[in-house]
Amino acid sequence: MTDANPQKPRIVSCPQCGKPTEYSPANRWRPFCSERCKLIDIGAWASESYRVAGQEEPMSDDDKTI
């Protein structure tokens, strides 16, 4: 017997613009709403606009290159 009422896809906010978008295999840009939002996010990572908080450790003599 098959399920007459398949589960509805989950709706999430696009991480870039906040627009409600379907989080399912049908949305090829998930979790984003569009290719544009996905590319904006990738660009932000590439330009190092996003950073993970942490303390920078001083370089040791072994880490320095001439």
Protein backbone atom coordinates (compact mmCIF):
# COMPACT_ATOMS: atom_id res chain seq x y z
CA MET A 1 0.00 0.00 0.00
CA THR A 2 1.35 3.44 -0.91
CA ASP A 3 1.05 6.58 1.14
CA ALA A 4 -1.73 8.75 -0.31
CA ASN A 5 -0.39 11.84 1.49
CA PRO A 6 3.36 12.09 0.95
CA GLN A 7 5.18 14.33 3.41
CA LYS A 8 5.20 17.98 2.49
CA PRO A 9 8.67 19.36 1.82
CA ARG A 10 10.12 21.41 4.63
CA ILE A 11 10.12 25.18 4.07
CA VAL A 12 13.24 27.01 5.29
CA SER A 13 14.51 30.57 5.00
CA CYS A 14 17.17 31.14 2.34
CA PRO A 15 20.42 31.80 4.24
CA GLN A 16 21.23 34.69 1.91
CA CYS A 17 18.00 36.65 1.37
CA GLY A 18 15.60 35.10 3.91
CA LYS A 19 12.96 34.18 1.33
CA PRO A 20 10.99 31.01 2.19
CA THR A 21 12.24 28.13 0.05
CA GLU A 22 11.58 24.42 -0.24
CA TYR A 23 14.27 22.17 1.24
CA SER A 24 13.92 19.11 -0.95
CA PRO A 25 15.66 17.41 -3.88
CA ALA A 26 13.29 19.34 -6.16
CA ASN A 27 15.13 22.56 -5.24
CA ARG A 28 18.52 22.21 -6.93
CA TRP A 29 19.89 25.26 -5.06
CA ARG A 30 18.91 24.12 -1.56
CA PRO A 31 19.21 25.52 1.05
CA PHE A 32 19.22 28.67 -1.11
CA CYS A 33 16.23 29.92 -3.06
CA SER A 34 18.14 30.50 -6.30
CA GLU A 35 21.47 30.21 -8.08
CA ARG A 36 22.00 33.93 -7.46
CA CYS A 37 21.82 33.55 -3.67
CA LYS A 38 24.09 30.51 -3.79
CA LEU A 39 26.71 32.40 -5.83
CA ILE A 40 26.57 35.42 -3.50
CA ASP A 41 27.26 33.10 -0.57
CA ILE A 42 30.13 31.31 -2.35
CA GLY A 43 31.62 34.71 -3.23
CA ALA A 44 31.48 35.80 0.41
CA TRP A 45 33.38 32.67 1.46
CA ALA A 46 35.94 33.15 -1.34
CA SER A 47 36.58 36.77 -0.34
CA GLU A 48 36.91 35.68 3.31
CA SER A 49 33.95 37.82 4.40
CA TYR A 50 32.88 34.92 6.61
CA ARG A 51 35.28 34.03 9.38
CA VAL A 52 35.26 31.54 12.20
CA ALA A 53 35.91 33.23 15.54
CA GLY A 54 39.09 32.24 17.27
CA GLN A 55 42.41 33.46 18.54
CA GLU A 56 45.29 33.73 16.13
CA GLU A 57 48.34 31.96 17.48
CA PRO A 58 51.79 33.49 16.93
CA MET A 59 53.95 31.70 14.39
CA SER A 60 56.80 29.61 15.72
CA ASP A 61 60.25 29.64 14.15
CA ASP A 62 59.44 26.28 12.53
CA ASP A 63 56.42 27.77 10.73
CA LYS A 64 58.29 30.67 9.13
CA THR A 65 59.49 30.29 5.58
CA ILE A 66 62.18 32.36 3.94
